[in-house]
Each structure stands twice: as C-alpha cells, then as structure tokens.
Amino acid sequence: MKYVIWISLLVLFVNCSEDNVSEGITLEGDWVEVINRTDTLTFELLGDKPVMTLGRGVEIKNGNVLPKPNVGPYDYEVVNDKISLRWYLSSNSAFKEYYFDQTEDTIQVGNFYDDNAVGVISVFKRIDQNL
C-alpha cells in the first residue's frame, strides 16, 4: 500500500512539473513593430545579463534630427503575462510592469516608450534572420 501512495505522488509530481515547463520559445533576436515598422526590440545577452534594446525612428525638433525618446537598453524580466522593465538611461532605478504575451513569432507588450500611447498594446513580429 505504501508503494502505491509513493508511486501516485511521484506520477502527480511529474505531471504537475511538465505543465509548468516553458514552451521553449526564445525572446532572443530582433522584433519589429507591425503597424509603423519603425520601432524595434532586440533581446540579447550582455555578458550573462539579459538586455532588451529599444530602437525607434528619428524626429525633427527645432531643426535637429534626434532619436525618438526612450531608445536604448533596458533590464527586463518576464513573469507570466507581465514584463518588468528598467531603462538604463533613467535616473529612476525602479522596474515598471507592463502587459506581455508571446507566441513563437509575435510579442504583444503594453506600450512603455511612447507617451502618446499609454495603455496601448503594441504588437511586434520576429524578424526572419534568413532574409
């Protein structure tokens, strides 16, 4: 009888563990925003630290061509349906959370970089490196 209980617990544990296994989808690589196609996300390792870099188009202000705001590297951590971000170039060291969902070739993320699009979900598609 003891063996039946132990085997049942072992089977239950293994089945529960398999349910929590990541699907093996990686963020690493380049992603482009699907509507305007000027904003990009690049996920990579800087040493052993994961880094997300936001690239955006340029804008003209007072006759000067400047990069759009909030470009550059971010610390990030993905947990469930949230991504926590901290911009390297900010004086604020706190992480902020945004909505996040990923499939094999698409990312949906709460807009964290455009002050005019607060609350908007931006969609990014993986850039095929074989083109």
N, C-alpha and C. Protein backbone atom coordinates (compact mmCIF):
# COMPACT_ATOMS: atom_id res chain seq x y z
N MET A 1 0.81 -1.19 0.00
CA MET A 1 0.00 0.00 0.00
C MET A 1 0.86 1.26 0.00
N LYS A 2 1.98 1.22 0.77
CA LYS A 2 2.88 2.38 0.81
C LYS A 2 3.42 2.69 -0.59
N TYR A 3 3.74 1.64 -1.33
CA TYR A 3 4.32 1.83 -2.65
C TYR A 3 3.32 2.49 -3.61
N VAL A 4 2.06 2.14 -3.49
CA VAL A 4 1.02 2.71 -4.34
C VAL A 4 0.91 4.22 -4.09
N ILE A 5 0.96 4.61 -2.82
CA ILE A 5 0.88 6.04 -2.47
C ILE A 5 2.10 6.78 -3.02
N TRP A 6 3.30 6.23 -2.83
CA TRP A 6 4.52 6.88 -3.32
C TRP A 6 4.53 6.99 -4.84
N ILE A 7 4.13 5.94 -5.50
CA ILE A 7 4.09 5.97 -6.97
C ILE A 7 3.06 6.99 -7.44
N SER A 8 1.91 7.04 -6.78
CA SER A 8 0.87 8.02 -7.15
C SER A 8 1.38 9.45 -6.96
N LEU A 9 2.06 9.69 -5.84
CA LEU A 9 2.62 11.03 -5.60
C LEU A 9 3.69 11.38 -6.64
N LEU A 10 4.52 10.42 -6.98
CA LEU A 10 5.55 10.65 -7.97
C LEU A 10 4.95 10.98 -9.33
N VAL A 11 3.94 10.24 -9.75
CA VAL A 11 3.27 10.49 -11.02
C VAL A 11 2.61 11.87 -11.00
N LEU A 12 1.96 12.22 -9.90
CA LEU A 12 1.32 13.52 -9.77
C LEU A 12 2.35 14.64 -9.86
N PHE A 13 3.48 14.49 -9.17
CA PHE A 13 4.55 15.48 -9.19
C PHE A 13 5.11 15.66 -10.60
N VAL A 14 5.38 14.59 -11.29
CA VAL A 14 5.93 14.66 -12.65
C VAL A 14 4.94 15.34 -13.58
N ASN A 15 3.66 14.99 -13.49
CA ASN A 15 2.66 15.62 -14.35
C ASN A 15 2.52 17.10 -14.07
N CYS A 16 2.55 17.51 -12.82
CA CYS A 16 2.46 18.93 -12.48
C CYS A 16 3.69 19.67 -12.98
N SER A 17 4.86 19.06 -12.85
CA SER A 17 6.09 19.70 -13.30
C SER A 17 6.07 19.93 -14.81
N GLU A 18 5.56 18.97 -15.57
CA GLU A 18 5.53 19.11 -17.02
C GLU A 18 4.59 20.23 -17.45
N ASP A 19 3.53 20.49 -16.68
CA ASP A 19 2.61 21.56 -17.02
C ASP A 19 3.28 22.93 -16.91
N ASN A 20 4.29 23.06 -16.05
CA ASN A 20 4.93 24.34 -15.83
C ASN A 20 6.19 24.55 -16.67
N VAL A 21 6.52 23.60 -17.52
CA VAL A 21 7.70 23.71 -18.35
C VAL A 21 7.48 24.75 -19.44
N SER A 22 8.46 25.60 -19.67
CA SER A 22 8.36 26.61 -20.72
C SER A 22 8.23 25.93 -22.07
N GLU A 23 7.54 26.61 -22.96
CA GLU A 23 7.33 26.05 -24.29
C GLU A 23 8.61 26.09 -25.14
N GLY A 24 9.68 26.64 -24.60
CA GLY A 24 10.93 26.67 -25.33
C GLY A 24 11.01 27.78 -26.36
N ILE A 25 10.10 28.75 -26.29
CA ILE A 25 10.13 29.88 -27.21
C ILE A 25 11.11 30.90 -26.67
N THR A 26 12.04 31.31 -27.47
CA THR A 26 13.05 32.25 -27.02
C THR A 26 12.72 33.68 -27.46
N LEU A 27 13.07 34.63 -26.64
CA LEU A 27 12.91 36.04 -27.00
C LEU A 27 14.11 36.53 -27.81
N GLU A 28 15.22 35.88 -27.67
CA GLU A 28 16.46 36.35 -28.27
C GLU A 28 16.30 36.62 -29.76
N GLY A 29 16.78 37.79 -30.19
CA GLY A 29 16.68 38.16 -31.59
C GLY A 29 16.04 39.52 -31.76
N ASP A 30 15.68 39.83 -32.99
CA ASP A 30 15.13 41.13 -33.35
C ASP A 30 13.64 41.03 -33.65
N TRP A 31 12.89 42.04 -33.21
CA TRP A 31 11.45 42.10 -33.38
C TRP A 31 11.09 43.49 -33.89
N VAL A 32 10.15 43.59 -34.83
CA VAL A 32 9.74 44.89 -35.37
C VAL A 32 8.26 45.10 -35.11
N GLU A 33 7.90 46.34 -34.76
CA GLU A 33 6.50 46.70 -34.50
C GLU A 33 5.75 46.62 -35.83
N VAL A 34 4.56 46.01 -35.83
CA VAL A 34 3.91 45.62 -37.08
C VAL A 34 3.16 46.75 -37.80
N ILE A 35 2.77 47.82 -37.11
CA ILE A 35 1.98 48.87 -37.78
C ILE A 35 2.88 49.88 -38.48
N ASN A 36 3.73 50.57 -37.73
CA ASN A 36 4.58 51.61 -38.33
C ASN A 36 5.92 51.07 -38.83
N ARG A 37 6.35 49.95 -38.28
CA ARG A 37 7.59 49.28 -38.65
C ARG A 37 8.83 50.15 -38.45
N THR A 38 8.76 51.11 -37.50
CA THR A 38 9.94 51.93 -37.20
C THR A 38 10.52 51.61 -35.82
N ASP A 39 9.75 50.93 -34.98
CA ASP A 39 10.20 50.60 -33.64
C ASP A 39 10.64 49.14 -33.60
N THR A 40 11.79 48.89 -32.98
CA THR A 40 12.31 47.53 -32.90
C THR A 40 12.70 47.19 -31.47
N LEU A 41 12.62 45.92 -31.15
CA LEU A 41 13.13 45.38 -29.89
C LEU A 41 14.17 44.34 -30.22
N THR A 42 15.31 44.40 -29.54
CA THR A 42 16.36 43.40 -29.70
C THR A 42 16.63 42.80 -28.33
N PHE A 43 16.45 41.49 -28.22
CA PHE A 43 16.72 40.76 -26.97
C PHE A 43 18.04 40.02 -27.15
N GLU A 44 18.96 40.25 -26.20
CA GLU A 44 20.27 39.62 -26.28
C GLU A 44 20.88 39.52 -24.89
N LEU A 45 22.02 38.87 -24.80
CA LEU A 45 22.75 38.79 -23.54
C LEU A 45 23.91 39.78 -23.59
N LEU A 46 24.06 40.53 -22.50
CA LEU A 46 25.21 41.40 -22.32
C LEU A 46 26.03 40.75 -21.21
N GLY A 47 27.05 39.98 -21.61
CA GLY A 47 27.73 39.11 -20.67
C GLY A 47 26.78 37.98 -20.34
N ASP A 48 26.38 37.87 -19.08
CA ASP A 48 25.39 36.86 -18.69
C ASP A 48 24.06 37.49 -18.31
N LYS A 49 23.90 38.78 -18.62
CA LYS A 49 22.70 39.52 -18.23
C LYS A 49 21.79 39.74 -19.45
N PRO A 50 20.51 39.36 -19.35
CA PRO A 50 19.59 39.60 -20.47
C PRO A 50 19.28 41.09 -20.59
N VAL A 51 19.33 41.59 -21.83
CA VAL A 51 19.09 43.00 -22.12
C VAL A 51 18.14 43.11 -23.30
N MET A 52 17.20 44.05 -23.21
CA MET A 52 16.32 44.38 -24.32
C MET A 52 16.68 45.79 -24.76
N THR A 53 16.92 45.97 -26.06
CA THR A 53 17.24 47.29 -26.59
C THR A 53 16.10 47.76 -27.48
N LEU A 54 15.61 48.97 -27.19
CA LEU A 54 14.56 49.58 -27.99
C LEU A 54 15.20 50.49 -29.03
N GLY A 55 14.87 50.26 -30.30
CA GLY A 55 15.29 51.13 -31.39
C GLY A 55 14.04 51.81 -31.96
N ARG A 56 14.14 53.07 -32.28
CA ARG A 56 13.00 53.81 -32.83
C ARG A 56 13.48 54.68 -33.97
N GLY A 57 12.54 55.25 -34.68
CA GLY A 57 12.87 56.18 -35.75
C GLY A 57 13.41 57.48 -35.17
N VAL A 58 13.55 58.46 -36.02
CA VAL A 58 14.03 59.77 -35.61
C VAL A 58 12.91 60.79 -35.76
N GLU A 59 13.09 61.95 -35.14
CA GLU A 59 12.16 63.05 -35.27
C GLU A 59 12.94 64.36 -35.37
N ILE A 60 12.31 65.35 -35.93
CA ILE A 60 12.95 66.66 -36.06
C ILE A 60 12.37 67.59 -34.99
N LYS A 61 13.26 68.12 -34.14
CA LYS A 61 12.88 69.07 -33.10
C LYS A 61 13.79 70.28 -33.21
N ASN A 62 13.17 71.45 -33.38
CA ASN A 62 13.93 72.70 -33.50
C ASN A 62 14.99 72.62 -34.60
N GLY A 63 14.64 71.93 -35.68
CA GLY A 63 15.55 71.82 -36.81
C GLY A 63 16.63 70.76 -36.66
N ASN A 64 16.62 70.04 -35.56
CA ASN A 64 17.61 68.99 -35.33
C ASN A 64 16.98 67.61 -35.49
N VAL A 65 17.70 66.71 -36.12
CA VAL A 65 17.24 65.33 -36.25
C VAL A 65 17.71 64.58 -35.01
N LEU A 66 16.74 64.07 -34.24
CA LEU A 66 17.05 63.41 -32.97
C LEU A 66 16.37 62.04 -32.90
N PRO A 67 16.96 61.12 -32.16
CA PRO A 67 16.25 59.85 -31.95
C PRO A 67 15.00 60.10 -31.12
N LYS A 68 13.96 59.31 -31.36
CA LYS A 68 12.75 59.44 -30.55
C LYS A 68 13.07 59.07 -29.10
N PRO A 69 12.24 59.54 -28.17
CA PRO A 69 12.52 59.30 -26.74
C PRO A 69 12.52 57.83 -26.34
N ASN A 70 13.23 57.56 -25.26
CA ASN A 70 13.26 56.26 -24.57
C ASN A 70 13.98 55.15 -25.32
N VAL A 71 14.81 55.48 -26.31
CA VAL A 71 15.57 54.45 -27.01
C VAL A 71 16.72 53.99 -26.13
N GLY A 72 17.21 52.80 -26.41
CA GLY A 72 18.37 52.28 -25.70
C GLY A 72 18.07 51.00 -24.95
N PRO A 73 19.00 50.61 -24.09
CA PRO A 73 18.90 49.32 -23.41
C PRO A 73 18.02 49.37 -22.16
N TYR A 74 17.38 48.22 -21.89
CA TYR A 74 16.53 48.04 -20.72
C TYR A 74 16.89 46.72 -20.04
N ASP A 75 16.91 46.72 -18.70
CA ASP A 75 16.87 45.47 -17.96
C ASP A 75 15.46 44.95 -18.10
N TYR A 76 15.29 43.63 -18.17
CA TYR A 76 13.93 43.10 -18.24
C TYR A 76 13.84 41.75 -17.55
N GLU A 77 12.61 41.45 -17.15
CA GLU A 77 12.30 40.13 -16.61
C GLU A 77 10.84 39.84 -16.97
N VAL A 78 10.61 38.66 -17.54
CA VAL A 78 9.27 38.24 -17.92
C VAL A 78 8.77 37.23 -16.90
N VAL A 79 7.60 37.50 -16.34
CA VAL A 79 6.95 36.58 -15.41
C VAL A 79 5.47 36.53 -15.79
N ASN A 80 5.03 35.33 -16.18
CA ASN A 80 3.64 35.12 -16.60
C ASN A 80 3.26 36.09 -17.71
N ASP A 81 2.27 36.94 -17.48
CA ASP A 81 1.82 37.86 -18.54
C ASP A 81 2.28 39.29 -18.29
N LYS A 82 3.44 39.44 -17.62
CA LYS A 82 3.99 40.76 -17.33
C LYS A 82 5.47 40.79 -17.71
N ILE A 83 5.90 41.97 -18.18
CA ILE A 83 7.33 42.20 -18.37
C ILE A 83 7.70 43.38 -17.48
N SER A 84 8.73 43.21 -16.68
CA SER A 84 9.24 44.28 -15.82
C SER A 84 10.42 44.91 -16.53
N LEU A 85 10.38 46.24 -16.68
CA LEU A 85 11.42 46.94 -17.43
C LEU A 85 12.04 48.04 -16.59
N ARG A 86 13.34 48.24 -16.80
CA ARG A 86 14.07 49.36 -16.19
C ARG A 86 15.02 49.90 -17.26
N TRP A 87 14.80 51.15 -17.64
CA TRP A 87 15.61 51.79 -18.68
C TRP A 87 16.97 52.16 -18.11
N TYR A 88 18.03 51.74 -18.77
CA TYR A 88 19.39 52.01 -18.30
C TYR A 88 19.68 53.50 -18.17
N LEU A 89 19.08 54.32 -19.05
CA LEU A 89 19.42 55.73 -19.10
C LEU A 89 18.54 56.59 -18.19
N SER A 90 17.70 55.98 -17.40
CA SER A 90 16.82 56.71 -16.49
C SER A 90 17.48 56.87 -15.12
N SER A 91 17.17 57.97 -14.46
CA SER A 91 17.66 58.17 -13.10
C SER A 91 16.80 57.39 -12.10
N ASN A 92 15.65 56.89 -12.54
CA ASN A 92 14.78 56.08 -11.71
C ASN A 92 15.21 54.62 -11.81
N SER A 93 15.57 54.02 -10.70
CA SER A 93 16.08 52.65 -10.73
C SER A 93 14.99 51.60 -10.52
N ALA A 94 13.74 52.03 -10.41
CA ALA A 94 12.64 51.08 -10.18
C ALA A 94 12.21 50.42 -11.49
N PHE A 95 11.81 49.16 -11.38
CA PHE A 95 11.22 48.45 -12.50
C PHE A 95 9.75 48.84 -12.62
N LYS A 96 9.24 48.90 -13.85
CA LYS A 96 7.82 49.12 -14.10
C LYS A 96 7.29 47.91 -14.86
N GLU A 97 6.06 47.49 -14.52
CA GLU A 97 5.48 46.31 -15.16
C GLU A 97 4.52 46.72 -16.27
N TYR A 98 4.54 45.90 -17.34
CA TYR A 98 3.66 46.10 -18.49
C TYR A 98 3.11 44.75 -18.92
N TYR A 99 1.96 44.78 -19.59
CA TYR A 99 1.37 43.56 -20.14
C TYR A 99 2.35 42.94 -21.13
N PHE A 100 2.38 41.59 -21.18
CA PHE A 100 3.29 40.90 -22.10
C PHE A 100 2.70 39.56 -22.48
N ASP A 101 2.72 39.26 -23.77
CA ASP A 101 2.30 37.95 -24.27
C ASP A 101 3.17 37.60 -25.47
N GLN A 102 3.61 36.36 -25.55
CA GLN A 102 4.49 35.94 -26.63
C GLN A 102 4.02 34.64 -27.23
N THR A 103 4.03 34.60 -28.56
CA THR A 103 3.89 33.34 -29.29
C THR A 103 5.22 33.13 -29.98
N GLU A 104 5.29 32.14 -30.85
CA GLU A 104 6.57 31.83 -31.49
C GLU A 104 7.14 33.02 -32.27
N ASP A 105 6.27 33.75 -33.01
CA ASP A 105 6.80 34.84 -33.85
C ASP A 105 6.15 36.19 -33.58
N THR A 106 5.42 36.33 -32.46
CA THR A 106 4.75 37.59 -32.14
C THR A 106 4.88 37.91 -30.65
N ILE A 107 5.09 39.19 -30.37
CA ILE A 107 5.09 39.69 -29.00
C ILE A 107 4.03 40.77 -28.92
N GLN A 108 3.22 40.73 -27.87
CA GLN A 108 2.32 41.83 -27.54
C GLN A 108 2.82 42.40 -26.23
N VAL A 109 3.05 43.72 -26.21
CA VAL A 109 3.58 44.35 -24.99
C VAL A 109 2.87 45.68 -24.78
N GLY A 110 2.57 45.96 -23.51
CA GLY A 110 2.00 47.26 -23.18
C GLY A 110 2.98 48.34 -23.56
N ASN A 111 2.49 49.40 -24.20
CA ASN A 111 3.38 50.45 -24.69
C ASN A 111 4.09 51.13 -23.52
N PHE A 112 5.40 51.05 -23.51
CA PHE A 112 6.21 51.60 -22.43
C PHE A 112 7.08 52.77 -22.89
N TYR A 113 7.05 53.09 -24.16
CA TYR A 113 8.02 54.05 -24.69
C TYR A 113 7.42 55.27 -25.36
N ASP A 114 6.14 55.27 -25.67
CA ASP A 114 5.52 56.40 -26.35
C ASP A 114 4.51 57.05 -25.41
N ASP A 115 4.81 58.26 -24.96
CA ASP A 115 3.95 58.96 -24.01
C ASP A 115 2.56 59.23 -24.57
N ASN A 116 2.41 59.23 -25.89
CA ASN A 116 1.10 59.47 -26.51
C ASN A 116 0.28 58.20 -26.68
N ALA A 117 0.81 57.06 -26.27
CA ALA A 117 0.12 55.78 -26.47
C ALA A 117 0.04 54.98 -25.18
N VAL A 118 -0.18 55.66 -24.06
CA VAL A 118 -0.28 54.98 -22.77
C VAL A 118 -1.49 54.06 -22.79
N GLY A 119 -1.31 52.82 -22.35
CA GLY A 119 -2.40 51.85 -22.31
C GLY A 119 -2.59 51.07 -23.59
N VAL A 120 -1.86 51.41 -24.64
CA VAL A 120 -1.98 50.72 -25.93
C VAL A 120 -1.10 49.48 -25.90
N ILE A 121 -1.58 48.40 -26.50
CA ILE A 121 -0.79 47.18 -26.62
C ILE A 121 -0.11 47.20 -27.99
N SER A 122 1.21 47.20 -28.00
CA SER A 122 1.97 47.19 -29.25
C SER A 122 2.27 45.75 -29.64
N VAL A 123 2.22 45.47 -30.93
CA VAL A 123 2.48 44.12 -31.44
C VAL A 123 3.78 44.14 -32.24
N PHE A 124 4.68 43.23 -31.91
CA PHE A 124 5.97 43.09 -32.59
C PHE A 124 6.04 41.70 -33.21
N LYS A 125 6.66 41.62 -34.38
CA LYS A 125 6.82 40.34 -35.08
C LYS A 125 8.32 40.06 -35.20
N ARG A 126 8.67 38.80 -35.01
CA ARG A 126 10.08 38.40 -35.13
C ARG A 126 10.57 38.65 -36.54
N ILE A 127 11.77 39.21 -36.67
CA ILE A 127 12.38 39.45 -37.96
C ILE A 127 13.11 38.18 -38.37
N ASP A 128 12.79 37.67 -39.54
CA ASP A 128 13.43 36.45 -40.04
C ASP A 128 14.88 36.77 -40.39
N GLN A 129 15.80 36.13 -39.70
CA GLN A 129 17.23 36.37 -39.91
C GLN A 129 17.73 35.79 -41.22
N ASN A 130 16.91 34.99 -41.90
CA ASN A 130 17.34 34.33 -43.14
C ASN A 130 17.01 35.13 -44.39
N LEU A 131 16.48 36.34 -44.23
CA LEU A 131 16.11 37.12 -45.43
C LEU A 131 17.32 37.71 -46.10
